[in-house]
Amino acid sequence: MDSSTLIKMIMIEAVPFAKYMGIEILQAEEGHAKCGLALRDELKNHLGSMHAGAIYSMAETASGAAMASIFKDQLMTLKPVAASAEVRYLKLAKGNLTSTAKATESADGLREKLAQDKKVRFRVQVSIEDERGVETAQMDFDWVVR
């Protein structure tokens, strides 16, 4: 089973909200992840674009998938928590969206730090694009893993 499939299965089991929202984990490997979210009427805001809460949820899911991909071999024994987030909405998010997440530190370095300190804190940066490739938002998530 490839890394993306494993992460998808684990996250759907552990975080059913992402499934409820319709968020798809498209890729999750070594500190990188990509998620997709189709625009549906129930996810729209008063302007007819994607609601900020839906955008946030997709970005947080992508950041979680990036985090999980780093620790996939021991994920079931760890306690990961999104400790903080910074959000920058740049443009109206029209149509289907894709979020791309990337840890700012190397996967090997984070695994080593966790083994040594039994706790690690790190940042995952996320970019959200619409179906035209226009960046509509940026988010940074700080994860703490014990």
Protein backbone atom coordinates (compact mmCIF):
# COMPACT_ATOMS: atom_id res chain seq x y z
CA MET A 1 0.00 0.00 0.00
CA ASP A 2 1.42 3.39 -0.94
CA SER A 3 1.88 6.23 1.55
CA SER A 4 -1.02 8.34 0.26
CA THR A 5 -3.50 5.47 0.55
CA LEU A 6 -2.34 4.64 4.07
CA ILE A 7 -2.59 8.27 5.25
CA LYS A 8 -6.02 8.62 3.65
CA MET A 9 -7.30 5.52 5.48
CA ILE A 10 -5.85 6.61 8.82
CA MET A 11 -7.17 10.16 8.58
CA ILE A 12 -10.67 9.14 7.52
CA GLU A 13 -10.82 6.83 10.54
CA ALA A 14 -9.34 9.36 12.97
CA VAL A 15 -10.93 12.54 11.55
CA PRO A 16 -14.36 11.79 10.07
CA PHE A 17 -15.06 15.53 9.65
CA ALA A 18 -12.82 15.65 6.56
CA LYS A 19 -14.87 12.87 4.97
CA TYR A 20 -18.10 14.66 5.94
CA MET A 21 -16.87 17.84 4.23
CA GLY A 22 -15.97 15.93 1.08
CA ILE A 23 -12.24 16.66 1.35
CA GLU A 24 -10.12 14.27 -0.68
CA ILE A 25 -6.51 13.50 0.18
CA LEU A 26 -4.89 13.28 -3.24
CA GLN A 27 -1.27 12.84 -2.16
CA ALA A 28 0.69 12.47 1.09
CA GLU A 29 4.41 11.72 1.05
CA GLU A 30 7.40 12.75 3.20
CA GLY A 31 6.09 16.04 4.52
CA HIS A 32 4.09 16.99 1.42
CA ALA A 33 0.37 16.60 0.83
CA LYS A 34 -2.31 17.68 -1.59
CA CYS A 35 -6.06 17.77 -0.96
CA GLY A 36 -9.04 18.64 -3.13
CA LEU A 37 -12.49 20.01 -2.36
CA ALA A 38 -15.31 20.35 -4.87
CA LEU A 39 -17.53 23.43 -4.61
CA ARG A 40 -21.08 22.42 -3.66
CA ASP A 41 -24.03 24.61 -2.74
CA GLU A 42 -23.77 23.74 0.95
CA LEU A 43 -20.12 24.93 1.01
CA LYS A 44 -20.82 28.35 -0.55
CA ASN A 45 -20.83 31.70 1.20
CA HIS A 46 -23.13 34.66 0.51
CA LEU A 47 -21.00 35.61 -2.54
CA GLY A 48 -21.36 32.20 -4.19
CA SER A 49 -17.71 31.29 -3.61
CA MET A 50 -16.23 28.71 -1.23
CA HIS A 51 -16.95 29.52 2.43
CA ALA A 52 -13.89 30.47 4.51
CA GLY A 53 -14.64 27.65 6.97
CA ALA A 54 -14.54 25.08 4.18
CA ILE A 55 -11.26 26.52 2.88
CA TYR A 56 -9.76 26.38 6.36
CA SER A 57 -10.91 22.80 6.88
CA MET A 58 -9.35 21.66 3.61
CA ALA A 59 -6.06 23.43 4.39
CA GLU A 60 -5.95 21.99 7.91
CA THR A 61 -6.57 18.52 6.49
CA ALA A 62 -3.73 18.96 3.98
CA SER A 63 -1.41 20.12 6.76
CA GLY A 64 -2.43 17.10 8.84
CA ALA A 65 -1.78 14.75 5.93
CA ALA A 66 1.67 16.29 5.44
CA MET A 67 2.37 15.86 9.16
CA ALA A 68 1.07 12.28 9.14
CA SER A 69 3.20 11.35 6.15
CA ILE A 70 6.35 12.20 8.12
CA PHE A 71 5.44 9.89 11.00
CA LYS A 72 3.39 7.28 9.13
CA ASP A 73 5.27 4.30 10.59
CA GLN A 74 4.46 5.31 14.16
CA LEU A 75 1.37 7.46 13.69
CA MET A 76 -0.99 5.20 15.63
CA THR A 77 1.13 5.62 18.79
CA LEU A 78 1.57 9.40 18.59
CA LYS A 79 -0.52 12.35 19.72
CA PRO A 80 -0.43 15.05 17.04
CA VAL A 81 -2.17 18.37 17.66
CA ALA A 82 -2.51 21.44 15.46
CA ALA A 83 -1.33 24.05 17.96
CA SER A 84 -1.84 27.24 15.96
CA ALA A 85 -2.75 28.57 12.54
CA GLU A 86 -2.21 31.73 10.54
CA VAL A 87 -4.69 32.45 7.77
CA ARG A 88 -4.40 34.80 4.79
CA TYR A 89 -7.36 34.92 2.40
CA LEU A 90 -6.13 36.47 -0.85
CA LYS A 91 -8.97 36.22 -3.39
CA LEU A 92 -12.46 34.82 -3.69
CA ALA A 93 -12.20 31.04 -3.93
CA LYS A 94 -14.32 30.24 -6.96
CA GLY A 95 -14.91 26.69 -8.11
CA ASN A 96 -13.13 23.55 -6.98
CA LEU A 97 -10.06 24.00 -4.80
CA THR A 98 -6.75 22.27 -4.24
CA SER A 99 -4.54 22.73 -1.20
CA THR A 100 -0.84 21.92 -1.27
CA ALA A 101 0.96 21.50 2.05
CA LYS A 102 4.65 21.28 2.82
CA ALA A 103 6.52 20.91 6.11
CA THR A 104 9.18 23.59 6.48
CA GLU A 105 11.70 21.14 7.97
CA SER A 106 13.03 17.85 6.62
CA ALA A 107 11.11 14.68 7.43
CA ASP A 108 14.30 12.92 8.57
CA GLY A 109 15.21 15.80 10.88
CA LEU A 110 11.74 15.84 12.44
CA ARG A 111 11.77 12.08 13.03
CA GLU A 112 15.21 12.35 14.65
CA LYS A 113 14.07 15.20 16.90
CA LEU A 114 10.97 13.26 17.97
CA ALA A 115 13.07 10.19 18.80
CA GLN A 116 15.48 12.31 20.83
CA ASP A 117 13.10 14.71 22.60
CA LYS A 118 9.85 12.67 22.57
CA LYS A 119 8.16 15.85 21.27
CA VAL A 120 8.53 17.98 18.17
CA ARG A 121 6.96 21.25 17.04
CA PHE A 122 7.09 22.31 13.41
CA ARG A 123 5.32 24.35 10.76
CA VAL A 124 3.44 23.22 7.68
CA GLN A 125 2.74 25.83 5.00
CA VAL A 126 -0.34 25.47 2.80
CA SER A 127 -1.26 27.16 -0.47
CA ILE A 128 -4.85 27.00 -1.76
CA GLU A 129 -5.57 27.36 -5.47
CA ASP A 130 -8.77 27.41 -7.47
CA GLU A 131 -9.30 25.33 -10.59
CA ARG A 132 -7.71 28.07 -12.74
CA GLY A 133 -4.48 27.86 -10.73
CA VAL A 134 -5.07 31.18 -8.94
CA GLU A 135 -3.80 31.20 -5.35
CA THR A 136 -6.77 32.16 -3.17
CA ALA A 137 -5.34 31.66 0.33
CA GLN A 138 -2.23 30.78 2.31
CA MET A 139 -2.16 29.19 5.74
CA ASP A 140 0.54 28.13 8.17
CA PHE A 141 -0.11 25.47 10.78
CA ASP A 142 2.13 24.68 13.74
CA TRP A 143 1.96 21.02 14.73
CA VAL A 144 3.04 19.49 18.01
CA VAL A 145 3.67 15.76 17.93
CA ARG A 146 4.32 13.70 21.09
